[in-house]
Amino acid sequence: MIDLEANIRKICDLTSQLLISGETGAGKDMCARFHHANSVRSKEPFIAVNCATIPADHVERELFGFHGQAPQKFHRGLAERAKVGILFLDEIAELPLS
């Protein structure tokens, strides 16, 4: 764990995308939250979403939002809400390929 923490701290100042992979229960969420807390983005939002819980017909709407005909039909997606913070997509392999 000490080595893992040291490795995460090495990349905390990077602003590029980060892929954290591992089996269920390996601690990906914990690593993402630690990275966020110690990164240059720590003042920005951290939004975690379990992709397995998003219905297949709502994936695009939830991730990217939508604009309906009426003004009250506007919905900001998770990507927009994360702004320049971190959007943690847990169980991303569960999203439909389409």
PDB file of N, CA and C in Angstrom:
ATOM      1  N   MET A   1       0.825  -1.198   0.000  1.00  0.00           N
ATOM      2  CA  MET A   1       0.000   0.000   0.000  1.00  0.00           C
ATOM      3  C   MET A   1       0.867   1.258   0.000  1.00  0.00           C
ATOM      4  N   ILE A   2       2.009   1.202   0.670  1.00  0.00           N
ATOM      5  CA  ILE A   2       2.912   2.358   0.706  1.00  0.00           C
ATOM      6  C   ILE A   2       3.441   2.641  -0.693  1.00  0.00           C
ATOM      7  N   ASP A   3       3.795   1.592  -1.426  1.00  0.00           N
ATOM      8  CA  ASP A   3       4.270   1.765  -2.804  1.00  0.00           C
ATOM      9  C   ASP A   3       3.165   2.313  -3.699  1.00  0.00           C
ATOM     10  N   LEU A   4       1.953   1.812  -3.524  1.00  0.00           N
ATOM     11  CA  LEU A   4       0.825   2.288  -4.322  1.00  0.00           C
ATOM     12  C   LEU A   4       0.573   3.765  -4.055  1.00  0.00           C
ATOM     13  N   GLU A   5       0.578   4.156  -2.793  1.00  0.00           N
ATOM     14  CA  GLU A   5       0.387   5.563  -2.438  1.00  0.00           C
ATOM     15  C   GLU A   5       1.475   6.429  -3.062  1.00  0.00           C
ATOM     16  N   ALA A   6       2.706   5.980  -3.004  1.00  0.00           N
ATOM     17  CA  ALA A   6       3.811   6.746  -3.586  1.00  0.00           C
ATOM     18  C   ALA A   6       3.638   6.891  -5.094  1.00  0.00           C
ATOM     19  N   ASN A   7       3.208   5.831  -5.751  1.00  0.00           N
ATOM     20  CA  ASN A   7       3.003   5.889  -7.201  1.00  0.00           C
ATOM     21  C   ASN A   7       1.863   6.832  -7.570  1.00  0.00           C
ATOM     22  N   ILE A   8       0.787   6.821  -6.800  1.00  0.00           N
ATOM     23  CA  ILE A   8      -0.323   7.728  -7.079  1.00  0.00           C
ATOM     24  C   ILE A   8       0.120   9.175  -6.876  1.00  0.00           C
ATOM     25  N   ARG A   9       0.880   9.426  -5.828  1.00  0.00           N
ATOM     26  CA  ARG A   9       1.364  10.794  -5.577  1.00  0.00           C
ATOM     27  C   ARG A   9       2.228  11.308  -6.731  1.00  0.00           C
ATOM     28  N   LYS A  10       2.940  10.418  -7.423  1.00  0.00           N
ATOM     29  CA  LYS A  10       3.800  10.822  -8.543  1.00  0.00           C
ATOM     30  C   LYS A  10       2.994  11.390  -9.704  1.00  0.00           C
ATOM     31  N   ILE A  11       1.753  10.956  -9.838  1.00  0.00           N
ATOM     32  CA  ILE A  11       0.947  11.382 -10.987  1.00  0.00           C
ATOM     33  C   ILE A  11      -0.125  12.406 -10.624  1.00  0.00           C
ATOM     34  N   CYS A  12      -0.141  12.871  -9.398  1.00  0.00           N
ATOM     35  CA  CYS A  12      -1.201  13.777  -8.954  1.00  0.00           C
ATOM     36  C   CYS A  12      -1.197  15.127  -9.657  1.00  0.00           C
ATOM     37  N   ASP A  13      -0.081  15.559 -10.202  1.00  0.00           N
ATOM     38  CA  ASP A  13      -0.039  16.854 -10.874  1.00  0.00           C
ATOM     39  C   ASP A  13      -0.354  16.758 -12.363  1.00  0.00           C
ATOM     40  N   LEU A  14      -0.541  15.559 -12.868  1.00  0.00           N
ATOM     41  CA  LEU A  14      -0.882  15.391 -14.280  1.00  0.00           C
ATOM     42  C   LEU A  14      -2.337  15.770 -14.507  1.00  0.00           C
ATOM     43  N   THR A  15      -2.627  16.322 -15.663  1.00  0.00           N
ATOM     44  CA  THR A  15      -4.011  16.672 -15.981  1.00  0.00           C
ATOM     45  C   THR A  15      -4.587  15.782 -17.071  1.00  0.00           C
ATOM     46  N   SER A  16      -3.845  14.771 -17.474  1.00  0.00           N
ATOM     47  CA  SER A  16      -4.348  13.867 -18.504  1.00  0.00           C
ATOM     48  C   SER A  16      -5.307  12.847 -17.893  1.00  0.00           C
ATOM     49  N   GLN A  17      -5.941  12.071 -18.749  1.00  0.00           N
ATOM     50  CA  GLN A  17      -6.871  11.058 -18.284  1.00  0.00           C
ATOM     51  C   GLN A  17      -6.107   9.917 -17.626  1.00  0.00           C
ATOM     52  N   LEU A  18      -6.774   9.238 -16.740  1.00  0.00           N
ATOM     53  CA  LEU A  18      -6.156   8.164 -15.978  1.00  0.00           C
ATOM     54  C   LEU A  18      -7.053   6.943 -16.022  1.00  0.00           C
ATOM     55  N   LEU A  19      -6.460   5.801 -16.298  1.00  0.00           N
ATOM     56  CA  LEU A  19      -7.200   4.543 -16.283  1.00  0.00           C
ATOM     57  C   LEU A  19      -6.719   3.744 -15.086  1.00  0.00           C
ATOM     58  N   ILE A  20      -7.644   3.410 -14.215  1.00  0.00           N
ATOM     59  CA  ILE A  20      -7.352   2.562 -13.068  1.00  0.00           C
ATOM     60  C   ILE A  20      -8.085   1.254 -13.316  1.00  0.00           C
ATOM     61  N   SER A  21      -7.360   0.177 -13.419  1.00  0.00           N
ATOM     62  CA  SER A  21      -8.004  -1.104 -13.707  1.00  0.00           C
ATOM     63  C   SER A  21      -7.715  -2.097 -12.590  1.00  0.00           C
ATOM     64  N   GLY A  22      -8.574  -3.071 -12.484  1.00  0.00           N
ATOM     65  CA  GLY A  22      -8.416  -4.111 -11.477  1.00  0.00           C
ATOM     66  C   GLY A  22      -9.722  -4.834 -11.270  1.00  0.00           C
ATOM     67  N   GLU A  23      -9.636  -5.940 -10.576  1.00  0.00           N
ATOM     68  CA  GLU A  23     -10.824  -6.740 -10.312  1.00  0.00           C
ATOM     69  C   GLU A  23     -11.758  -6.023  -9.333  1.00  0.00           C
ATOM     70  N   THR A  24     -12.983  -6.457  -9.292  1.00  0.00           N
ATOM     71  CA  THR A  24     -13.947  -5.926  -8.341  1.00  0.00           C
ATOM     72  C   THR A  24     -13.393  -6.119  -6.931  1.00  0.00           C
ATOM     73  N   GLY A  25     -13.431  -5.046  -6.158  1.00  0.00           N
ATOM     74  CA  GLY A  25     -12.941  -5.108  -4.787  1.00  0.00           C
ATOM     75  C   GLY A  25     -11.459  -4.815  -4.632  1.00  0.00           C
ATOM     76  N   ALA A  26     -10.788  -4.488  -5.738  1.00  0.00           N
ATOM     77  CA  ALA A  26      -9.339  -4.247  -5.676  1.00  0.00           C
ATOM     78  C   ALA A  26      -8.996  -2.876  -5.089  1.00  0.00           C
ATOM     79  N   GLY A  27      -9.965  -1.972  -5.021  1.00  0.00           N
ATOM     80  CA  GLY A  27      -9.709  -0.662  -4.446  1.00  0.00           C
ATOM     81  C   GLY A  27      -9.572   0.458  -5.464  1.00  0.00           C
ATOM     82  N   LYS A  28     -10.162   0.289  -6.644  1.00  0.00           N
ATOM     83  CA  LYS A  28     -10.074   1.323  -7.682  1.00  0.00           C
ATOM     84  C   LYS A  28     -10.701   2.633  -7.212  1.00  0.00           C
ATOM     85  N   ASP A  29     -11.860   2.538  -6.563  1.00  0.00           N
ATOM     86  CA  ASP A  29     -12.532   3.725  -6.050  1.00  0.00           C
ATOM     87  C   ASP A  29     -11.659   4.436  -5.020  1.00  0.00           C
ATOM     88  N   MET A  30     -11.059   3.686  -4.125  1.00  0.00           N
ATOM     89  CA  MET A  30     -10.191   4.269  -3.106  1.00  0.00           C
ATOM     90  C   MET A  30      -8.993   4.971  -3.754  1.00  0.00           C
ATOM     91  N   CYS A  31      -8.416   4.346  -4.771  1.00  0.00           N
ATOM     92  CA  CYS A  31      -7.284   4.958  -5.477  1.00  0.00           C
ATOM     93  C   CYS A  31      -7.714   6.242  -6.179  1.00  0.00           C
ATOM     94  N   ALA A  32      -8.886   6.222  -6.814  1.00  0.00           N
ATOM     95  CA  ALA A  32      -9.378   7.409  -7.520  1.00  0.00           C
ATOM     96  C   ALA A  32      -9.628   8.551  -6.541  1.00  0.00           C
ATOM     97  N   ARG A  33     -10.216   8.249  -5.408  1.00  0.00           N
ATOM     98  CA  ARG A  33     -10.489   9.282  -4.406  1.00  0.00           C
ATOM     99  C   ARG A  33      -9.196   9.821  -3.793  1.00  0.00           C
ATOM    100  N   PHE A  34      -8.220   8.949  -3.567  1.00  0.00           N
ATOM    101  CA  PHE A  34      -6.930   9.397  -3.045  1.00  0.00           C
ATOM    102  C   PHE A  34      -6.241  10.305  -4.056  1.00  0.00           C
ATOM    103  N   HIS A  35      -6.280   9.889  -5.326  1.00  0.00           N
ATOM    104  CA  HIS A  35      -5.686  10.693  -6.392  1.00  0.00           C
ATOM    105  C   HIS A  35      -6.338  12.072  -6.430  1.00  0.00           C
ATOM    106  N   HIS A  36      -7.661  12.103  -6.390  1.00  0.00           N
ATOM    107  CA  HIS A  36      -8.384  13.374  -6.432  1.00  0.00           C
ATOM    108  C   HIS A  36      -8.005  14.263  -5.254  1.00  0.00           C
ATOM    109  N   ALA A  37      -7.996  13.705  -4.061  1.00  0.00           N
ATOM    110  CA  ALA A  37      -7.714  14.480  -2.850  1.00  0.00           C
ATOM    111  C   ALA A  37      -6.311  15.083  -2.851  1.00  0.00           C
ATOM    112  N   ASN A  38      -5.388  14.450  -3.563  1.00  0.00           N
ATOM    113  CA  ASN A  38      -4.003  14.905  -3.560  1.00  0.00           C
ATOM    114  C   ASN A  38      -3.578  15.547  -4.871  1.00  0.00           C
ATOM    115  N   SER A  39      -4.531  15.766  -5.758  1.00  0.00           N
ATOM    116  CA  SER A  39      -4.200  16.288  -7.077  1.00  0.00           C
ATOM    117  C   SER A  39      -4.443  17.783  -7.180  1.00  0.00           C
ATOM    118  N   VAL A  40      -4.015  18.338  -8.313  1.00  0.00           N
ATOM    119  CA  VAL A  40      -4.259  19.752  -8.578  1.00  0.00           C
ATOM    120  C   VAL A  40      -5.755  20.008  -8.791  1.00  0.00           C
ATOM    121  N   ARG A  41      -6.536  18.964  -8.954  1.00  0.00           N
ATOM    122  CA  ARG A  41      -7.984  19.070  -9.155  1.00  0.00           C
ATOM    123  C   ARG A  41      -8.782  18.895  -7.868  1.00  0.00           C
ATOM    124  N   SER A  42      -8.132  18.873  -6.732  1.00  0.00           N
ATOM    125  CA  SER A  42      -8.813  18.546  -5.476  1.00  0.00           C
ATOM    126  C   SER A  42      -9.927  19.525  -5.119  1.00  0.00           C
ATOM    127  N   LYS A  43      -9.874  20.739  -5.614  1.00  0.00           N
ATOM    128  CA  LYS A  43     -10.932  21.723  -5.339  1.00  0.00           C
ATOM    129  C   LYS A  43     -12.098  21.587  -6.321  1.00  0.00           C
ATOM    130  N   GLU A  44     -11.914  20.793  -7.346  1.00  0.00           N
ATOM    131  CA  GLU A  44     -12.944  20.564  -8.361  1.00  0.00           C
ATOM    132  C   GLU A  44     -13.793  19.360  -7.960  1.00  0.00           C
ATOM    133  N   PRO A  45     -14.931  19.157  -8.631  1.00  0.00           N
ATOM    134  CA  PRO A  45     -15.812  18.044  -8.266  1.00  0.00           C
ATOM    135  C   PRO A  45     -15.183  16.668  -8.497  1.00  0.00           C
ATOM    136  N   PHE A  46     -15.572  15.739  -7.661  1.00  0.00           N
ATOM    137  CA  PHE A  46     -15.285  14.316  -7.862  1.00  0.00           C
ATOM    138  C   PHE A  46     -16.641  13.645  -7.989  1.00  0.00           C
ATOM    139  N   ILE A  47     -16.916  13.100  -9.156  1.00  0.00           N
ATOM    140  CA  ILE A  47     -18.208  12.453  -9.393  1.00  0.00           C
ATOM    141  C   ILE A  47     -17.949  10.991  -9.721  1.00  0.00           C
ATOM    142  N   ALA A  48     -18.482  10.124  -8.889  1.00  0.00           N
ATOM    143  CA  ALA A  48     -18.347   8.680  -9.093  1.00  0.00           C
ATOM    144  C   ALA A  48     -19.689   8.124  -9.543  1.00  0.00           C
ATOM    145  N   VAL A  49     -19.651   7.290 -10.546  1.00  0.00           N
ATOM    146  CA  VAL A  49     -20.881   6.675 -11.034  1.00  0.00           C
ATOM    147  C   VAL A  49     -20.603   5.206 -11.329  1.00  0.00           C
ATOM    148  N   ASN A  50     -21.510   4.351 -10.883  1.00  0.00           N
ATOM    149  CA  ASN A  50     -21.417   2.938 -11.183  1.00  0.00           C
ATOM    150  C   ASN A  50     -22.154   2.721 -12.495  1.00  0.00           C
ATOM    151  N   CYS A  51     -21.422   2.489 -13.543  1.00  0.00           N
ATOM    152  CA  CYS A  51     -22.006   2.370 -14.884  1.00  0.00           C
ATOM    153  C   CYS A  51     -22.970   1.191 -14.993  1.00  0.00           C
ATOM    154  N   ALA A  52     -22.809   0.188 -14.146  1.00  0.00           N
ATOM    155  CA  ALA A  52     -23.693  -0.974 -14.188  1.00  0.00           C
ATOM    156  C   ALA A  52     -25.113  -0.617 -13.756  1.00  0.00           C
ATOM    157  N   THR A  53     -25.283   0.520 -13.083  1.00  0.00           N
ATOM    158  CA  THR A  53     -26.620   0.900 -12.609  1.00  0.00           C
ATOM    159  C   THR A  53     -27.369   1.803 -13.580  1.00  0.00           C
ATOM    160  N   ILE A  54     -26.719   2.220 -14.653  1.00  0.00           N
ATOM    161  CA  ILE A  54     -27.373   3.095 -15.627  1.00  0.00           C
ATOM    162  C   ILE A  54     -28.108   2.232 -16.650  1.00  0.00           C
ATOM    163  N   PRO A  55     -29.417   2.418 -16.801  1.00  0.00           N
ATOM    164  CA  PRO A  55     -30.142   1.646 -17.818  1.00  0.00           C
ATOM    165  C   PRO A  55     -29.556   1.912 -19.208  1.00  0.00           C
ATOM    166  N   ALA A  56     -29.500   0.886 -20.021  1.00  0.00           N
ATOM    167  CA  ALA A  56     -28.871   0.979 -21.335  1.00  0.00           C
ATOM    168  C   ALA A  56     -29.436   2.112 -22.182  1.00  0.00           C
ATOM    169  N   ASP A  57     -30.734   2.380 -22.066  1.00  0.00           N
ATOM    170  CA  ASP A  57     -31.332   3.428 -22.884  1.00  0.00           C
ATOM    171  C   ASP A  57     -31.145   4.834 -22.298  1.00  0.00           C
ATOM    172  N   HIS A  58     -30.434   4.943 -21.177  1.00  0.00           N
ATOM    173  CA  HIS A  58     -30.176   6.248 -20.562  1.00  0.00           C
ATOM    174  C   HIS A  58     -28.694   6.605 -20.483  1.00  0.00           C
ATOM    175  N   VAL A  59     -27.813   5.765 -21.008  1.00  0.00           N
ATOM    176  CA  VAL A  59     -26.370   5.982 -20.865  1.00  0.00           C
ATOM    177  C   VAL A  59     -25.943   7.324 -21.438  1.00  0.00           C
ATOM    178  N   GLU A  60     -26.291   7.573 -22.684  1.00  0.00           N
ATOM    179  CA  GLU A  60     -25.878   8.824 -23.328  1.00  0.00           C
ATOM    180  C   GLU A  60     -26.443  10.028 -22.585  1.00  0.00           C
ATOM    181  N   ARG A  61     -27.685   9.961 -22.194  1.00  0.00           N
ATOM    182  CA  ARG A  61     -28.342  11.056 -21.472  1.00  0.00           C
ATOM    183  C   ARG A  61     -27.646  11.323 -20.135  1.00  0.00           C
ATOM    184  N   GLU A  62     -27.329  10.282 -19.387  1.00  0.00           N
ATOM    185  CA  GLU A  62     -26.697  10.457 -18.080  1.00  0.00           C
ATOM    186  C   GLU A  62     -25.267  10.982 -18.198  1.00  0.00           C
ATOM    187  N   LEU A  63     -24.514  10.453 -19.142  1.00  0.00           N
ATOM    188  CA  LEU A  63     -23.122  10.880 -19.276  1.00  0.00           C
ATOM    189  C   LEU A  63     -22.975  12.250 -19.924  1.00  0.00           C
ATOM    190  N   PHE A  64     -23.796  12.545 -20.927  1.00  0.00           N
ATOM    191  CA  PHE A  64     -23.602  13.763 -21.706  1.00  0.00           C
ATOM    192  C   PHE A  64     -24.742  14.773 -21.621  1.00  0.00           C
ATOM    193  N   GLY A  65     -25.842  14.398 -20.978  1.00  0.00           N
ATOM    194  CA  GLY A  65     -26.953  15.320 -20.815  1.00  0.00           C
ATOM    195  C   GLY A  65     -27.852  15.370 -22.035  1.00  0.00           C
ATOM    196  N   PHE A  66     -28.864  16.230 -21.950  1.00  0.00           N
ATOM    197  CA  PHE A  66     -29.770  16.402 -23.085  1.00  0.00           C
ATOM    198  C   PHE A  66     -30.491  17.736 -22.967  1.00  0.00           C
ATOM    199  N   HIS A  67     -30.990  18.189 -24.090  1.00  0.00           N
ATOM    200  CA  HIS A  67     -31.771  19.420 -24.169  1.00  0.00           C
ATOM    201  C   HIS A  67     -33.101  19.061 -24.813  1.00  0.00           C
ATOM    202  N   GLY A  68     -34.159  19.169 -24.028  1.00  0.00           N
ATOM    203  CA  GLY A  68     -35.488  18.875 -24.547  1.00  0.00           C
ATOM    204  C   GLY A  68     -36.102  20.096 -25.205  1.00  0.00           C
ATOM    205  N   GLN A  69     -37.330  19.943 -25.652  1.00  0.00           N
ATOM    206  CA  GLN A  69     -38.038  21.028 -26.310  1.00  0.00           C
ATOM    207  C   GLN A  69     -38.308  22.187 -25.349  1.00  0.00           C
ATOM    208  N   ALA A  70     -38.715  21.878 -24.139  1.00  0.00           N
ATOM    209  CA  ALA A  70     -39.034  22.917 -23.152  1.00  0.00           C
ATOM    210  C   ALA A  70     -37.793  23.213 -22.292  1.00  0.00           C
ATOM    211  N   PRO A  71     -37.671  24.451 -21.808  1.00  0.00           N
ATOM    212  CA  PRO A  71     -36.505  24.807 -20.988  1.00  0.00           C
ATOM    213  C   PRO A  71     -36.327  23.920 -19.756  1.00  0.00           C
ATOM    214  N   GLN A  72     -37.407  23.460 -19.168  1.00  0.00           N
ATOM    215  CA  GLN A  72     -37.290  22.617 -17.980  1.00  0.00           C
ATOM    216  C   GLN A  72     -36.813  21.202 -18.309  1.00  0.00           C
ATOM    217  N   LYS A  73     -36.687  20.896 -19.587  1.00  0.00           N
ATOM    218  CA  LYS A  73     -36.235  19.577 -20.013  1.00  0.00           C
ATOM    219  C   LYS A  73     -34.717  19.519 -20.221  1.00  0.00           C
ATOM    220  N   PHE A  74     -33.998  20.475 -19.672  1.00  0.00           N
ATOM    221  CA  PHE A  74     -32.538  20.498 -19.774  1.00  0.00           C
ATOM    222  C   PHE A  74     -31.954  19.636 -18.660  1.00  0.00           C
ATOM    223  N   HIS A  75     -30.979  18.821 -18.987  1.00  0.00           N
ATOM    224  CA  HIS A  75     -30.319  17.956 -17.999  1.00  0.00           C
ATOM    225  C   HIS A  75     -28.818  17.965 -18.279  1.00  0.00           C
ATOM    226  N   ARG A  76     -28.049  18.458 -17.315  1.00  0.00           N
ATOM    227  CA  ARG A  76     -26.584  18.435 -17.458  1.00  0.00           C
ATOM    228  C   ARG A  76     -26.085  17.025 -17.206  1.00  0.00           C
ATOM    229  N   GLY A  77     -25.233  16.551 -18.086  1.00  0.00           N
ATOM    230  CA  GLY A  77     -24.684  15.211 -17.935  1.00  0.00           C
ATOM    231  C   GLY A  77     -23.572  15.160 -16.899  1.00  0.00           C
ATOM    232  N   LEU A  78     -23.205  13.969 -16.530  1.00  0.00           N
ATOM    233  CA  LEU A  78     -22.151  13.771 -15.526  1.00  0.00           C
ATOM    234  C   LEU A  78     -20.822  14.360 -15.972  1.00  0.00           C
ATOM    235  N   ALA A  79     -20.499  14.243 -17.255  1.00  0.00           N
ATOM    236  CA  ALA A  79     -19.238  14.799 -17.756  1.00  0.00           C
ATOM    237  C   ALA A  79     -19.201  16.309 -17.575  1.00  0.00           C
ATOM    238  N   GLU A  80     -20.297  16.976 -17.847  1.00  0.00           N
ATOM    239  CA  GLU A  80     -20.353  18.426 -17.679  1.00  0.00           C
ATOM    240  C   GLU A  80     -20.323  18.814 -16.199  1.00  0.00           C
ATOM    241  N   ARG A  81     -21.001  18.050 -15.365  1.00  0.00           N
ATOM    242  CA  ARG A  81     -21.015  18.357 -13.933  1.00  0.00           C
ATOM    243  C   ARG A  81     -19.643  18.173 -13.294  1.00  0.00           C
ATOM    244  N   ALA A  82     -18.848  17.264 -13.833  1.00  0.00           N
ATOM    245  CA  ALA A  82     -17.500  17.049 -13.294  1.00  0.00           C
ATOM    246  C   ALA A  82     -16.584  18.220 -13.631  1.00  0.00           C
ATOM    247  N   LYS A  83     -16.928  18.977 -14.664  1.00  0.00           N
ATOM    248  CA  LYS A  83     -16.126  20.115 -15.123  1.00  0.00           C
ATOM    249  C   LYS A  83     -14.690  19.654 -15.365  1.00  0.00           C
ATOM    250  N   VAL A  84     -13.737  20.290 -14.733  1.00  0.00           N
ATOM    251  CA  VAL A  84     -12.335  19.886 -14.888  1.00  0.00           C
ATOM    252  C   VAL A  84     -11.896  19.003 -13.725  1.00  0.00           C
ATOM    253  N   GLY A  85     -12.877  18.564 -12.938  1.00  0.00           N
ATOM    254  CA  GLY A  85     -12.591  17.662 -11.829  1.00  0.00           C
ATOM    255  C   GLY A  85     -12.426  16.243 -12.342  1.00  0.00           C
ATOM    256  N   ILE A  86     -12.891  15.296 -11.559  1.00  0.00           N
ATOM    257  CA  ILE A  86     -12.717  13.889 -11.915  1.00  0.00           C
ATOM    258  C   ILE A  86     -14.076  13.212 -12.033  1.00  0.00           C
ATOM    259  N   LEU A  87     -14.266  12.519 -13.145  1.00  0.00           N
ATOM    260  CA  LEU A  87     -15.431  11.681 -13.364  1.00  0.00           C
ATOM    261  C   LEU A  87     -14.945  10.243 -13.299  1.00  0.00           C
ATOM    262  N   PHE A  88     -15.295   9.552 -12.233  1.00  0.00           N
ATOM    263  CA  PHE A  88     -14.866   8.168 -12.015  1.00  0.00           C
ATOM    264  C   PHE A  88     -15.966   7.243 -12.506  1.00  0.00           C
ATOM    265  N   LEU A  89     -15.689   6.507 -13.570  1.00  0.00           N
ATOM    266  CA  LEU A  89     -16.661   5.598 -14.168  1.00  0.00           C
ATOM    267  C   LEU A  89     -16.351   4.182 -13.707  1.00  0.00           C
ATOM    268  N   ASP A  90     -16.993   3.764 -12.628  1.00  0.00           N
ATOM    269  CA  ASP A  90     -16.797   2.423 -12.086  1.00  0.00           C
ATOM    270  C   ASP A  90     -17.608   1.432 -12.907  1.00  0.00           C
ATOM    271  N   GLU A  91     -17.083   0.236 -13.074  1.00  0.00           N
ATOM    272  CA  GLU A  91     -17.745  -0.825 -13.841  1.00  0.00           C
ATOM    273  C   GLU A  91     -18.073  -0.381 -15.261  1.00  0.00           C
ATOM    274  N   ILE A  92     -17.150   0.351 -15.888  1.00  0.00           N
ATOM    275  CA  ILE A  92     -17.371   0.882 -17.244  1.00  0.00           C
ATOM    276  C   ILE A  92     -17.556  -0.248 -18.267  1.00  0.00           C
ATOM    277  N   ALA A  93     -17.011  -1.412 -17.989  1.00  0.00           N
ATOM    278  CA  ALA A  93     -17.164  -2.545 -18.917  1.00  0.00           C
ATOM    279  C   ALA A  93     -18.613  -3.013 -19.006  1.00  0.00           C
ATOM    280  N   GLU A  94     -19.446  -2.572 -18.071  1.00  0.00           N
ATOM    281  CA  GLU A  94     -20.863  -2.960 -18.084  1.00  0.00           C
ATOM    282  C   GLU A  94     -21.704  -2.102 -19.024  1.00  0.00           C
ATOM    283  N   LEU A  95     -21.126  -1.015 -19.563  1.00  0.00           N
ATOM    284  CA  LEU A  95     -21.873  -0.172 -20.508  1.00  0.00           C
ATOM    285  C   LEU A  95     -22.096  -0.916 -21.808  1.00  0.00           C
ATOM    286  N   PRO A  96     -23.233  -0.702 -22.453  1.00  0.00           N
ATOM    287  CA  PRO A  96     -23.459  -1.340 -23.745  1.00  0.00           C
ATOM    288  C   PRO A  96     -22.465  -0.820 -24.783  1.00  0.00           C
ATOM    289  N   LEU A  97     -22.015  -1.659 -25.669  1.00  0.00           N
ATOM    290  CA  LEU A  97     -21.036  -1.263 -26.680  1.00  0.00           C
ATOM    291  C   LEU A  97     -21.554  -0.157 -27.598  1.00  0.00           C
ATOM    292  N   SER A  98     -22.850  -0.121 -27.814  1.00  0.00           N
ATOM    293  CA  SER A  98     -23.409   0.901 -28.695  1.00  0.00           C
ATOM    294  C   SER A  98     -23.204   2.284 -28.089  1.00  0.00           C
TER     295      SER A  98
END
